[in-house]
C-alpha atoms as a PDB file:
ATOM      1  CA  UNK A   1     182.202  72.301  40.138  1.00  0.00           C
ATOM      2  CA  UNK A   2     180.117  69.262  39.175  1.00  0.00           C
ATOM      3  CA  UNK A   3     177.660  69.377  36.292  1.00  0.00           C
ATOM      4  CA  UNK A   4     174.577  69.285  38.602  1.00  0.00           C
ATOM      5  CA  UNK A   5     175.864  72.252  40.613  1.00  0.00           C
ATOM      6  CA  UNK A   6     176.332  74.192  37.394  1.00  0.00           C
ATOM      7  CA  UNK A   7     172.837  73.168  36.193  1.00  0.00           C
ATOM      8  CA  UNK A   8     171.304  74.466  39.457  1.00  0.00           C
ATOM      9  CA  UNK A   9     173.311  77.663  39.070  1.00  0.00           C
ATOM     10  CA  UNK A  10     171.827  78.179  35.580  1.00  0.00           C
ATOM     11  CA  UNK A  11     168.222  77.632  36.595  1.00  0.00           C
ATOM     12  CA  UNK A  12     168.071  79.222  40.073  1.00  0.00           C
ATOM     13  CA  UNK A  13     166.987  82.724  38.996  1.00  0.00           C
ATOM     14  CA  UNK A  14     163.743  82.882  36.993  1.00  0.00           C
ATOM     15  CA  UNK A  15     162.689  86.362  35.892  1.00  0.00           C
ATOM     16  CA  UNK A  16     159.114  87.398  36.821  1.00  0.00           C
ATOM     17  CA  UNK A  17     157.962  90.282  34.639  1.00  0.00           C
ATOM     18  CA  UNK A  18     154.720  91.141  32.874  1.00  0.00           C
ATOM     19  CA  UNK A  19     156.342  90.544  29.483  1.00  0.00           C
ATOM     20  CA  UNK A  20     157.597  87.176  30.698  1.00  0.00           C
ATOM     21  CA  UNK A  21     154.179  86.180  31.966  1.00  0.00           C
ATOM     22  CA  UNK A  22     152.678  86.996  28.527  1.00  0.00           C
ATOM     23  CA  UNK A  23     155.396  84.938  26.895  1.00  0.00           C
ATOM     24  CA  UNK A  24     154.490  81.948  29.110  1.00  0.00           C
ATOM     25  CA  UNK A  25     150.916  82.046  27.894  1.00  0.00           C
ATOM     26  CA  UNK A  26     151.599  82.781  24.188  1.00  0.00           C
ATOM     27  CA  UNK A  27     154.579  80.550  23.348  1.00  0.00           C
ATOM     28  CA  UNK A  28     155.217  78.502  26.502  1.00  0.00           C
ATOM     29  CA  UNK A  29     158.505  80.296  27.174  1.00  0.00           C
ATOM     30  CA  UNK A  30     160.175  80.860  30.581  1.00  0.00           C
ATOM     31  CA  UNK A  31     162.790  83.479  31.273  1.00  0.00           C
ATOM     32  CA  UNK A  32     165.906  82.969  33.411  1.00  0.00           C
ATOM     33  CA  UNK A  33     168.840  85.148  34.483  1.00  0.00           C
ATOM     34  CA  UNK A  34     171.956  83.111  33.733  1.00  0.00           C
ATOM     35  CA  UNK A  35     175.751  83.694  33.991  1.00  0.00           C
ATOM     36  CA  UNK A  36     177.245  85.576  31.043  1.00  0.00           C
ATOM     37  CA  UNK A  37     179.480  82.617  30.101  1.00  0.00           C
ATOM     38  CA  UNK A  38     176.529  80.190  29.741  1.00  0.00           C
ATOM     39  CA  UNK A  39     175.790  78.852  26.262  1.00  0.00           C
ATOM     40  CA  UNK A  40     172.484  77.781  24.688  1.00  0.00           C
ATOM     41  CA  UNK A  41     173.328  74.073  24.692  1.00  0.00           C
ATOM     42  CA  UNK A  42     174.302  74.221  28.383  1.00  0.00           C
ATOM     43  CA  UNK A  43     171.125  76.080  29.275  1.00  0.00           C
ATOM     44  CA  UNK A  44     169.006  73.548  27.374  1.00  0.00           C
ATOM     45  CA  UNK A  45     170.702  70.635  29.171  1.00  0.00           C
ATOM     46  CA  UNK A  46     170.264  72.292  32.576  1.00  0.00           C
ATOM     47  CA  UNK A  47     166.525  72.895  32.150  1.00  0.00           C
ATOM     48  CA  UNK A  48     165.878  69.423  30.798  1.00  0.00           C
ATOM     49  CA  UNK A  49     167.898  67.767  33.598  1.00  0.00           C
ATOM     50  CA  UNK A  50     166.662  69.875  36.612  1.00  0.00           C
ATOM     51  CA  UNK A  51     162.968  70.147  35.647  1.00  0.00           C
ATOM     52  CA  UNK A  52     162.517  66.959  33.601  1.00  0.00           C
ATOM     53  CA  UNK A  53     160.927  68.652  30.561  1.00  0.00           C
ATOM     54  CA  UNK A  54     161.689  68.793  26.856  1.00  0.00           C
ATOM     55  CA  UNK A  55     162.995  72.107  25.499  1.00  0.00           C
ATOM     56  CA  UNK A  56     162.051  73.233  21.976  1.00  0.00           C
ATOM     57  CA  UNK A  57     164.290  76.291  21.690  1.00  0.00           C
ATOM     58  CA  UNK A  58     166.589  78.584  23.671  1.00  0.00           C
ATOM     59  CA  UNK A  59     167.080  82.289  22.953  1.00  0.00           C
ATOM     60  CA  UNK A  60     169.622  84.360  24.801  1.00  0.00           C
ATOM     61  CA  UNK A  61     170.192  88.113  25.156  1.00  0.00           C
ATOM     62  CA  UNK A  62     172.934  90.168  26.745  1.00  0.00           C
ATOM     63  CA  UNK A  63     171.441  92.965  28.788  1.00  0.00           C
ATOM     64  CA  UNK A  64     173.781  95.914  29.160  1.00  0.00           C
ATOM     65  CA  UNK A  65     173.971  97.582  32.567  1.00  0.00           C
ATOM     66  CA  UNK A  66     172.700 101.160  32.907  1.00  0.00           C
ATOM     67  CA  UNK A  67     174.809 104.111  33.939  1.00  0.00           C
ATOM     68  CA  UNK A  68     173.686 105.441  37.309  1.00  0.00           C
ATOM     69  CA  UNK A  69     174.580 108.507  39.403  1.00  0.00           C
ATOM     70  CA  UNK A  70     174.145 109.297  43.069  1.00  0.00           C
ATOM     71  CA  UNK A  71     175.224 112.856  43.598  1.00  0.00           C
ATOM     72  CA  UNK A  72     178.851 113.236  42.392  1.00  0.00           C
ATOM     73  CA  UNK A  73     179.445 109.546  42.221  1.00  0.00           C
ATOM     74  CA  UNK A  74     178.946 107.856  38.876  1.00  0.00           C
ATOM     75  CA  UNK A  75     178.630 104.124  38.474  1.00  0.00           C
ATOM     76  CA  UNK A  76     177.307 101.401  36.256  1.00  0.00           C
ATOM     77  CA  UNK A  77     175.167  98.389  36.859  1.00  0.00           C
ATOM     78  CA  UNK A  78     176.696  95.142  35.788  1.00  0.00           C
ATOM     79  CA  UNK A  79     175.855  93.448  32.499  1.00  0.00           C
ATOM     80  CA  UNK A  80     173.802  90.223  32.621  1.00  0.00           C
ATOM     81  CA  UNK A  81     172.449  87.547  30.368  1.00  0.00           C
ATOM     82  CA  UNK A  82     168.799  86.563  29.909  1.00  0.00           C
ATOM     83  CA  UNK A  83     167.705  83.160  28.570  1.00  0.00           C
ATOM     84  CA  UNK A  84     164.266  82.596  27.118  1.00  0.00           C
ATOM     85  CA  UNK A  85     163.553  78.804  27.184  1.00  0.00           C
ATOM     86  CA  UNK A  86     160.699  77.670  24.981  1.00  0.00           C
ATOM     87  CA  UNK A  87     159.218  74.316  26.023  1.00  0.00           C
ATOM     88  CA  UNK A  88     157.405  71.840  23.790  1.00  0.00           C
ATOM     89  CA  UNK A  89     153.647  72.404  23.644  1.00  0.00           C
ATOM     90  CA  UNK A  90     152.684  69.633  26.095  1.00  0.00           C
ATOM     91  CA  UNK A  91     155.295  70.635  28.776  1.00  0.00           C
ATOM     92  CA  UNK A  92     155.030  73.088  31.681  1.00  0.00           C
ATOM     93  CA  UNK A  93     157.250  74.275  34.541  1.00  0.00           C
ATOM     94  CA  UNK A  94     155.963  74.643  38.111  1.00  0.00           C
ATOM     95  CA  UNK A  95     158.149  77.598  39.111  1.00  0.00           C
ATOM     96  CA  UNK A  96     155.591  79.862  40.790  1.00  0.00           C
END
């Protein structure tokens, strides 16, 4: 896999939530769902290369999957990783 393919894989799934929208307005942060093996440096490089902006900080969080039941069958949603990318004050992303 080339680096640009990996960069597009890291930035292809923005998360649209009410909390994320508030974060965009308050601290200029955008949320993405990224692969669990992605690191902060790789996420920073991907956002800067794909969108052409300057990143101030990257925060990541592992979101544990919930246990679910449907009748007798028990299962679990898969774990995933969330990245909160804070841009410099004069930068914006045109995602939506």
